[in-house]
Amino acid sequence: MNILITGGAGFIGTNLALQLIKAGHVVTILDNLSPQIHGPNPAVTSMLYRSIKDKTNFVLGSVTDRAAWESVLPGQDAIVHLAAETGTGQSMYEIRRYVDVNIGGTGLMLDLLANGSYQIKKIVIASSRSIYGEGKYHSSALGIIYPGARKDEDMQAGRFEPLCPKTGEPLMLLATDEDSKIHPSSVYGITKQNQEQMVMTVCASIGIGATALRYQNVYGPGQSLSNPYTGILSIFSTRIKNGNGLSIFEDGKESRDFVFIEDVVAATTLALTSDAANGEVFGIGAGVATDVLTVAKSLVGLFGKEVPIEVTGAYRLGDIRHNYADIAKAKRLLGFQPKVPFSEGIASFTAWVNEQEVQTDNYESSIEEMKKRGLYK
């Protein structure tokens, strides 16, 4: 196939493009080479861009630019729409940018497909676990429950676990499946929900097969080590390599589902090439919850560089406590089976980090941005 990957110079896009090329597909990439991800001079500062620029039909441009879309859509058979602004915390104050790129860019793509003459037969949209907000829980009093945002007064008092609204007791965490309630707690999550809904709705009406993949926390060799707004493994690694301590939010027991990049590429390829995936949404993760304190201790141990780990009790408004994927549907319909356990994946990631130049640690400046806006307590 001729496959267009928007945001294809990013972490997921680059790995996916290289795998699709190996399989014999022709890949076109549309990417704006954002300095936040690729640095000030991508030809020098972006390993991701350098790895794909000569192997694909690379087009420098934004998904918010109609002319850019019109230059890349002719002749394509499929689109993997990855292009998006992706910082959860940053989205709470750079609202216009996140809406323009994530919602506006997707709307422009769909407008052109609905009103033009193109041969697109399939779209895979990169959705996110952030559309769920908090994950799925069980209450002894109420049964299945999907908690809303945690209260500021509870967080201040160190009560970080979501509480049953009837009994006030902590809830039991369950895996989040595709039928779970959608109630995003950040502007980023809202835009990803909107992207997914637009793609699934419009494509069904114009005869294009569409699949939404709700990625969990994707990690692995190649992810940006200089972007302080996304990916705690990268953020923590850059701090450790600079000899800086790790400040852990809340009590360190908040958890995420970390899924290795190779497994994400496999899932995306399956979705792209399977008719059974048309019209479906899938949670894509490892299906395992790993707490943040475990991540921090694992990284310090693997790097062999002693830095202090401080559990601060501080918190960010809009953060969720837990979310991990129920991947039963992806296994059943896609044949997806994650193969890289966290212990193996994090070892591979740290080995790669050790081969890279140490990046400037911009984490404190990102925290200051949130403090100024009252989003960090």
Protein backbone atom coordinates (compact mmCIF):
# COMPACT_ATOMS: atom_id res chain seq x y z
CA MET A 1 0.00 0.00 0.00
CA ASN A 2 0.82 3.65 -0.24
CA ILE A 3 0.54 4.80 3.38
CA LEU A 4 0.54 8.34 4.74
CA ILE A 5 1.69 8.79 8.35
CA THR A 6 0.95 12.18 9.85
CA GLY A 7 3.36 13.03 12.63
CA GLY A 8 5.47 10.31 11.11
CA ALA A 9 8.78 11.76 12.30
CA GLY A 10 7.68 11.31 15.91
CA PHE A 11 8.47 8.39 18.18
CA ILE A 12 5.66 6.04 17.17
CA GLY A 13 5.57 7.25 13.58
CA THR A 14 9.25 6.67 12.89
CA ASN A 15 9.21 3.14 14.27
CA LEU A 16 6.02 2.35 12.39
CA ALA A 17 7.33 3.80 9.12
CA LEU A 18 10.51 1.73 9.24
CA GLN A 19 8.52 -1.45 9.91
CA LEU A 20 6.05 -0.74 7.08
CA ILE A 21 8.90 -0.06 4.65
CA LYS A 22 10.44 -3.42 5.58
CA ALA A 23 7.09 -5.04 4.76
CA GLY A 24 7.15 -3.51 1.26
CA HIS A 25 4.81 -0.55 1.70
CA VAL A 26 5.54 2.95 0.37
CA VAL A 27 5.43 5.51 3.16
CA THR A 28 4.82 9.25 2.97
CA ILE A 29 5.30 11.36 6.09
CA LEU A 30 3.71 14.71 6.88
CA ASP A 31 5.37 16.31 9.91
CA ASN A 32 6.10 19.85 11.09
CA LEU A 33 9.27 18.81 13.00
CA SER A 34 8.20 20.57 16.19
CA PRO A 35 11.24 21.92 18.08
CA GLN A 36 9.72 20.64 21.33
CA ILE A 37 10.25 17.12 20.01
CA HIS A 38 13.01 17.40 17.42
CA GLY A 39 15.16 20.24 18.74
CA PRO A 40 16.15 23.47 17.01
CA ASN A 41 17.83 21.84 14.01
CA PRO A 42 16.23 18.45 13.27
CA ALA A 43 18.87 17.47 10.69
CA VAL A 44 21.32 17.49 13.60
CA THR A 45 19.27 17.27 16.78
CA SER A 46 16.62 14.68 15.83
CA MET A 47 17.68 11.06 15.55
CA LEU A 48 14.08 10.21 14.64
CA TYR A 49 13.99 12.56 11.65
CA ARG A 50 17.42 11.48 10.44
CA SER A 51 16.37 7.82 10.52
CA ILE A 52 13.44 8.25 8.14
CA LYS A 53 13.98 11.33 5.98
CA ASP A 54 15.77 9.45 3.18
CA LYS A 55 13.66 6.28 3.41
CA THR A 56 10.25 7.89 3.02
CA ASN A 57 8.56 10.59 0.97
CA PHE A 58 9.01 13.25 3.63
CA VAL A 59 6.89 16.42 3.47
CA LEU A 60 7.54 19.24 5.93
CA GLY A 61 4.20 20.73 6.85
CA SER A 62 1.43 21.04 9.41
CA VAL A 63 -1.86 19.18 9.58
CA THR A 64 -3.47 22.61 10.08
CA ASP A 65 -2.41 23.61 6.54
CA ARG A 66 -4.85 22.68 3.76
CA ALA A 67 -2.15 22.94 1.07
CA ALA A 68 0.01 20.46 2.97
CA TRP A 69 -2.83 17.95 3.07
CA GLU A 70 -3.59 18.47 -0.60
CA SER A 71 0.05 17.73 -1.44
CA VAL A 72 0.15 14.38 0.36
CA LEU A 73 -3.33 12.85 -0.01
CA PRO A 74 -3.32 11.99 -3.76
CA GLY A 75 -2.34 8.38 -4.43
CA GLN A 76 -2.54 7.24 -0.80
CA ASP A 77 -4.37 4.04 0.14
CA ALA A 78 -4.32 4.49 3.90
CA ILE A 79 -3.59 7.05 6.61
CA VAL A 80 -2.18 6.55 10.09
CA HIS A 81 -3.08 9.81 11.82
CA LEU A 82 -0.58 10.30 14.63
CA ALA A 83 0.02 14.05 14.40
CA ALA A 84 -1.00 15.76 17.64
CA GLU A 85 0.19 17.93 20.47
CA THR A 86 0.66 15.48 23.32
CA GLY A 87 1.49 17.07 26.70
CA THR A 88 -1.32 16.50 29.20
CA GLY A 89 -0.21 19.22 31.61
CA GLN A 90 0.78 21.64 28.87
CA SER A 91 -2.64 21.26 27.27
CA MET A 92 -4.23 22.90 30.30
CA TYR A 93 -2.73 26.28 29.43
CA GLU A 94 -1.82 26.07 25.71
CA ILE A 95 -5.44 25.34 24.96
CA ARG A 96 -5.77 27.06 21.61
CA ARG A 97 -2.73 25.27 20.17
CA TYR A 98 -3.97 21.84 21.27
CA VAL A 99 -7.44 22.47 19.87
CA ASP A 100 -6.13 23.90 16.58
CA VAL A 101 -3.74 21.01 15.91
CA ASN A 102 -5.58 18.03 17.33
CA ILE A 103 -9.17 18.90 16.50
CA GLY A 104 -8.63 21.41 13.67
CA GLY A 105 -6.05 19.27 11.87
CA THR A 106 -8.25 16.18 12.05
CA GLY A 107 -11.28 18.16 10.91
CA LEU A 108 -9.36 19.48 7.92
CA MET A 109 -8.29 15.96 6.91
CA LEU A 110 -11.86 14.68 7.10
CA ASP A 111 -13.26 17.71 5.27
CA LEU A 112 -10.92 17.05 2.35
CA LEU A 113 -11.74 13.34 2.28
CA ALA A 114 -15.48 13.99 2.44
CA ASN A 115 -15.41 16.54 -0.37
CA GLY A 116 -12.53 15.40 -2.58
CA SER A 117 -11.71 12.50 -4.87
CA TYR A 118 -9.15 10.34 -3.12
CA GLN A 119 -8.57 6.58 -2.92
CA ILE A 120 -8.18 6.31 0.86
CA LYS A 121 -9.61 2.99 2.04
CA LYS A 122 -8.40 2.91 5.66
CA ILE A 123 -7.60 5.31 8.50
CA VAL A 124 -6.05 4.39 11.82
CA ILE A 125 -6.44 7.20 14.35
CA ALA A 126 -4.11 7.39 17.34
CA SER A 127 -6.43 7.86 20.28
CA SER A 128 -5.31 7.75 23.91
CA ARG A 129 -6.05 6.26 27.29
CA SER A 130 -6.45 9.88 28.43
CA ILE A 131 -9.98 9.94 27.00
CA TYR A 132 -11.09 7.77 29.91
CA GLY A 133 -9.84 10.09 32.63
CA GLU A 134 -9.68 7.85 35.69
CA GLY A 135 -9.83 4.17 34.92
CA LYS A 136 -12.37 1.55 35.93
CA TYR A 137 -12.97 0.68 39.58
CA HIS A 138 -15.21 -1.46 41.79
CA SER A 139 -17.06 -0.26 44.85
CA SER A 140 -18.41 -2.70 47.43
CA ALA A 141 -21.42 -0.42 47.79
CA LEU A 142 -22.04 0.65 44.18
CA GLY A 143 -20.43 -1.98 41.93
CA ILE A 144 -18.59 -0.77 38.81
CA ILE A 145 -17.74 2.91 39.08
CA TYR A 146 -15.85 5.50 37.05
CA PRO A 147 -14.64 8.22 39.46
CA GLY A 148 -14.52 11.85 38.45
CA ALA A 149 -11.66 14.22 39.16
CA ARG A 150 -10.21 13.91 42.65
CA LYS A 151 -10.98 16.75 45.04
CA ASP A 152 -8.33 19.30 45.91
CA GLU A 153 -9.05 18.97 49.63
CA ASP A 154 -8.55 15.19 49.52
CA MET A 155 -5.25 15.57 47.66
CA GLN A 156 -4.04 18.21 50.14
CA ALA A 157 -4.77 15.76 52.96
CA GLY A 158 -2.82 12.98 51.22
CA ARG A 159 -5.92 11.03 50.23
CA PHE A 160 -4.85 10.25 46.68
CA GLU A 161 -6.86 7.15 45.87
CA PRO A 162 -10.27 7.74 44.27
CA LEU A 163 -12.97 7.31 46.90
CA CYS A 164 -16.42 5.77 46.80
CA PRO A 165 -18.95 8.63 46.73
CA LYS A 166 -21.25 6.64 49.03
CA THR A 167 -18.92 5.18 51.65
CA GLY A 168 -15.83 7.39 51.29
CA GLU A 169 -13.65 4.27 51.14
CA PRO A 170 -10.91 3.66 48.54
CA LEU A 171 -12.03 1.79 45.43
CA MET A 172 -10.63 -1.42 43.92
CA LEU A 173 -8.82 -0.85 40.61
CA LEU A 174 -9.90 -2.83 37.54
CA ALA A 175 -8.57 -2.96 33.98
CA THR A 176 -10.11 -0.32 31.70
CA ASP A 177 -11.93 -1.81 28.72
CA GLU A 178 -13.29 -0.16 25.59
CA ASP A 179 -16.80 0.13 27.05
CA SER A 180 -15.56 2.10 30.03
CA LYS A 181 -16.90 5.59 30.61
CA ILE A 182 -15.23 8.35 28.60
CA HIS A 183 -14.67 11.38 30.82
CA PRO A 184 -11.31 13.02 30.07
CA SER A 185 -9.71 15.18 32.75
CA SER A 186 -7.47 17.34 30.53
CA VAL A 187 -7.76 19.42 27.38
CA TYR A 188 -5.45 16.91 25.70
CA GLY A 189 -7.83 14.08 26.58
CA ILE A 190 -10.81 16.07 25.30
CA THR A 191 -9.07 16.68 21.96
CA LYS A 192 -8.17 13.00 21.59
CA GLN A 193 -11.77 12.03 22.29
CA ASN A 194 -12.89 14.52 19.67
CA GLN A 195 -10.36 13.22 17.12
CA GLU A 196 -11.54 9.66 17.63
CA GLN A 197 -15.23 10.50 17.41
CA MET A 198 -14.81 12.59 14.26
CA VAL A 199 -12.80 9.93 12.45
CA MET A 200 -15.07 7.05 13.41
CA THR A 201 -18.24 9.01 12.56
CA VAL A 202 -17.18 10.60 9.27
CA CYS A 203 -15.36 7.57 7.88
CA ALA A 204 -18.42 5.39 8.43
CA SER A 205 -20.47 7.84 6.35
CA ILE A 206 -18.04 8.08 3.41
CA GLY A 207 -17.07 4.41 3.09
CA ILE A 208 -13.61 4.46 4.66
CA GLY A 209 -12.61 1.72 7.11
CA ALA A 210 -11.53 3.34 10.38
CA THR A 211 -9.92 2.03 13.54
CA ALA A 212 -9.12 3.92 16.74
CA LEU A 213 -6.26 2.78 18.95
CA ARG A 214 -6.34 4.06 22.52
CA TYR A 215 -2.64 3.86 23.31
CA GLN A 216 -1.48 3.62 26.89
CA ASN A 217 1.97 5.00 27.91
CA VAL A 218 4.23 4.16 24.98
CA TYR A 219 7.98 3.99 25.69
CA GLY A 220 11.22 2.65 24.29
CA PRO A 221 14.43 3.55 22.46
CA GLY A 222 14.05 6.64 20.31
CA GLN A 223 11.58 8.65 22.36
CA SER A 224 12.39 12.30 22.98
CA LEU A 225 14.71 12.88 25.93
CA SER A 226 14.39 16.67 25.78
CA ASN A 227 10.60 17.14 25.85
CA PRO A 228 9.63 17.82 29.49
CA TYR A 229 5.90 17.60 28.87
CA THR A 230 5.40 13.96 28.05
CA GLY A 231 6.76 10.55 29.07
CA ILE A 232 7.97 10.02 32.64
CA LEU A 233 10.63 7.52 31.58
CA SER A 234 12.26 10.15 29.41
CA ILE A 235 11.83 12.90 32.00
CA PHE A 236 13.27 10.78 34.80
CA SER A 237 16.12 9.49 32.63
CA THR A 238 17.23 12.97 31.61
CA ARG A 239 17.17 14.10 35.22
CA ILE A 240 19.19 11.09 36.36
CA LYS A 241 21.78 11.56 33.60
CA ASN A 242 22.15 15.18 34.69
CA GLY A 243 22.66 14.09 38.30
CA ASN A 244 19.36 15.63 39.39
CA GLY A 245 17.05 14.06 41.94
CA LEU A 246 13.62 12.68 41.15
CA SER A 247 10.57 14.33 42.69
CA ILE A 248 7.69 11.88 42.78
CA PHE A 249 4.15 13.25 42.77
CA GLU A 250 1.56 12.16 45.32
CA ASP A 251 2.76 9.07 47.24
CA GLY A 252 4.45 7.38 44.28
CA LYS A 253 1.81 4.67 44.09
CA GLU A 254 -0.05 6.20 41.14
CA SER A 255 0.20 3.76 38.25
CA ARG A 256 0.24 3.59 34.47
CA ASP A 257 0.29 0.93 31.77
CA PHE A 258 3.69 1.10 30.04
CA VAL A 259 3.66 -0.51 26.60
CA PHE A 260 6.85 -1.01 24.60
CA ILE A 261 7.18 0.64 21.20
CA GLU A 262 7.62 -2.65 19.32
CA ASP A 263 4.28 -3.88 20.67
CA VAL A 264 2.59 -0.61 19.68
CA VAL A 265 3.97 -0.87 16.14
CA ALA A 266 2.71 -4.45 15.93
CA ALA A 267 -0.77 -3.44 17.12
CA THR A 268 -0.92 -0.51 14.71
CA THR A 269 0.15 -2.67 11.78
CA LEU A 270 -2.50 -5.25 12.64
CA ALA A 271 -5.16 -2.52 12.79
CA LEU A 272 -4.00 -1.07 9.49
CA THR A 273 -4.10 -4.36 7.60
CA SER A 274 -7.11 -6.09 9.17
CA ASP A 275 -10.66 -5.72 7.84
CA ALA A 276 -11.89 -7.06 11.18
CA ALA A 277 -10.60 -3.83 12.76
CA ASN A 278 -12.83 -1.59 10.66
CA GLY A 279 -15.26 0.39 12.78
CA GLU A 280 -13.65 -0.77 16.01
CA VAL A 281 -11.78 0.87 18.88
CA PHE A 282 -9.08 -0.91 20.85
CA GLY A 283 -7.19 -0.31 24.06
CA ILE A 284 -3.51 -0.90 23.35
CA GLY A 285 -1.27 -1.49 26.33
CA ALA A 286 0.66 -4.15 28.17
CA GLY A 287 -2.35 -4.84 30.37
CA VAL A 288 -0.26 -4.34 33.53
CA ALA A 289 -0.28 -1.46 36.03
CA THR A 290 3.17 -0.25 37.17
CA ASP A 291 3.49 2.42 39.85
CA VAL A 292 5.65 5.51 39.39
CA LEU A 293 7.91 4.81 42.37
CA THR A 294 8.79 1.41 40.85
CA VAL A 295 9.67 3.18 37.59
CA ALA A 296 11.94 5.65 39.40
CA LYS A 297 13.76 2.98 41.41
CA SER A 298 14.18 0.79 38.32
CA LEU A 299 15.74 3.62 36.31
CA VAL A 300 18.14 4.62 39.09
CA GLY A 301 19.21 1.00 39.47
CA LEU A 302 19.69 0.39 35.74
CA PHE A 303 21.64 3.62 35.21
CA GLY A 304 23.76 2.86 38.26
CA LYS A 305 23.80 6.53 39.17
CA GLU A 306 22.70 7.38 42.68
CA VAL A 307 20.34 10.34 42.79
CA PRO A 308 17.84 11.11 45.54
CA ILE A 309 14.25 9.98 45.08
CA GLU A 310 11.82 12.17 47.00
CA VAL A 311 8.15 11.34 47.34
CA THR A 312 6.83 14.87 47.68
CA GLY A 313 3.07 14.64 48.11
CA ALA A 314 2.78 17.38 45.49
CA TYR A 315 0.23 16.89 42.75
CA ARG A 316 -1.00 18.26 39.44
CA LEU A 317 -4.63 19.17 38.99
CA GLY A 318 -6.14 17.04 36.24
CA ASP A 319 -3.80 14.09 36.77
CA ILE A 320 -5.43 10.69 37.09
CA ARG A 321 -4.49 8.12 39.73
CA HIS A 322 -4.64 4.84 37.79
CA ASN A 323 -5.42 3.47 34.35
CA TYR A 324 -4.35 0.23 32.71
CA ALA A 325 -5.75 -1.50 29.68
CA ASP A 326 -7.97 -4.53 29.36
CA ILE A 327 -6.55 -5.89 26.09
CA ALA A 328 -8.93 -8.84 25.67
CA LYS A 329 -10.68 -7.26 22.67
CA ALA A 330 -7.39 -6.47 20.90
CA LYS A 331 -6.29 -10.05 21.47
CA ARG A 332 -9.57 -11.44 20.16
CA LEU A 333 -10.13 -9.29 17.07
CA LEU A 334 -6.62 -8.17 16.15
CA GLY A 335 -4.55 -11.08 17.37
CA PHE A 336 -2.54 -8.55 19.38
CA GLN A 337 -0.30 -9.96 22.09
CA PRO A 338 2.25 -7.72 23.82
CA LYS A 339 5.60 -9.48 23.88
CA VAL A 340 7.91 -7.16 25.84
CA PRO A 341 7.51 -7.15 29.64
CA PHE A 342 8.33 -3.95 31.48
CA SER A 343 11.53 -5.34 33.02
CA GLU A 344 12.88 -6.17 29.56
CA GLY A 345 11.63 -3.01 27.91
CA ILE A 346 13.03 -0.62 30.51
CA ALA A 347 16.42 -2.35 30.32
CA SER A 348 16.42 -1.89 26.54
CA PHE A 349 15.39 1.75 26.95
CA THR A 350 18.11 2.60 29.49
CA ALA A 351 20.77 0.86 27.39
CA TRP A 352 19.76 3.12 24.51
CA VAL A 353 19.74 6.24 26.68
CA ASN A 354 23.31 5.46 27.75
CA GLU A 355 24.37 5.70 24.10
CA GLN A 356 22.85 9.19 23.64
CA GLU A 357 24.22 12.61 24.45
CA VAL A 358 22.96 13.88 27.77
CA GLN A 359 20.10 16.30 27.09
CA THR A 360 19.38 19.56 28.88
CA ASP A 361 17.01 18.97 31.78
CA ASN A 362 14.02 21.26 31.19
CA TYR A 363 11.73 19.61 33.71
CA GLU A 364 11.87 22.34 36.38
CA SER A 365 10.88 25.00 33.86
CA SER A 366 7.81 22.95 32.90
CA ILE A 367 6.83 22.69 36.57
CA GLU A 368 7.24 26.44 36.99
CA GLU A 369 4.90 26.98 34.06
CA MET A 370 2.26 24.88 35.83
CA LYS A 371 2.83 26.57 39.20
CA LYS A 372 2.29 30.01 37.64
CA ARG A 373 -1.10 28.84 36.42
CA GLY A 374 -2.18 27.18 39.67
CA LEU A 375 -2.10 23.68 38.17
CA TYR A 376 0.64 22.31 40.45
CA LYS A 377 0.07 22.06 44.19
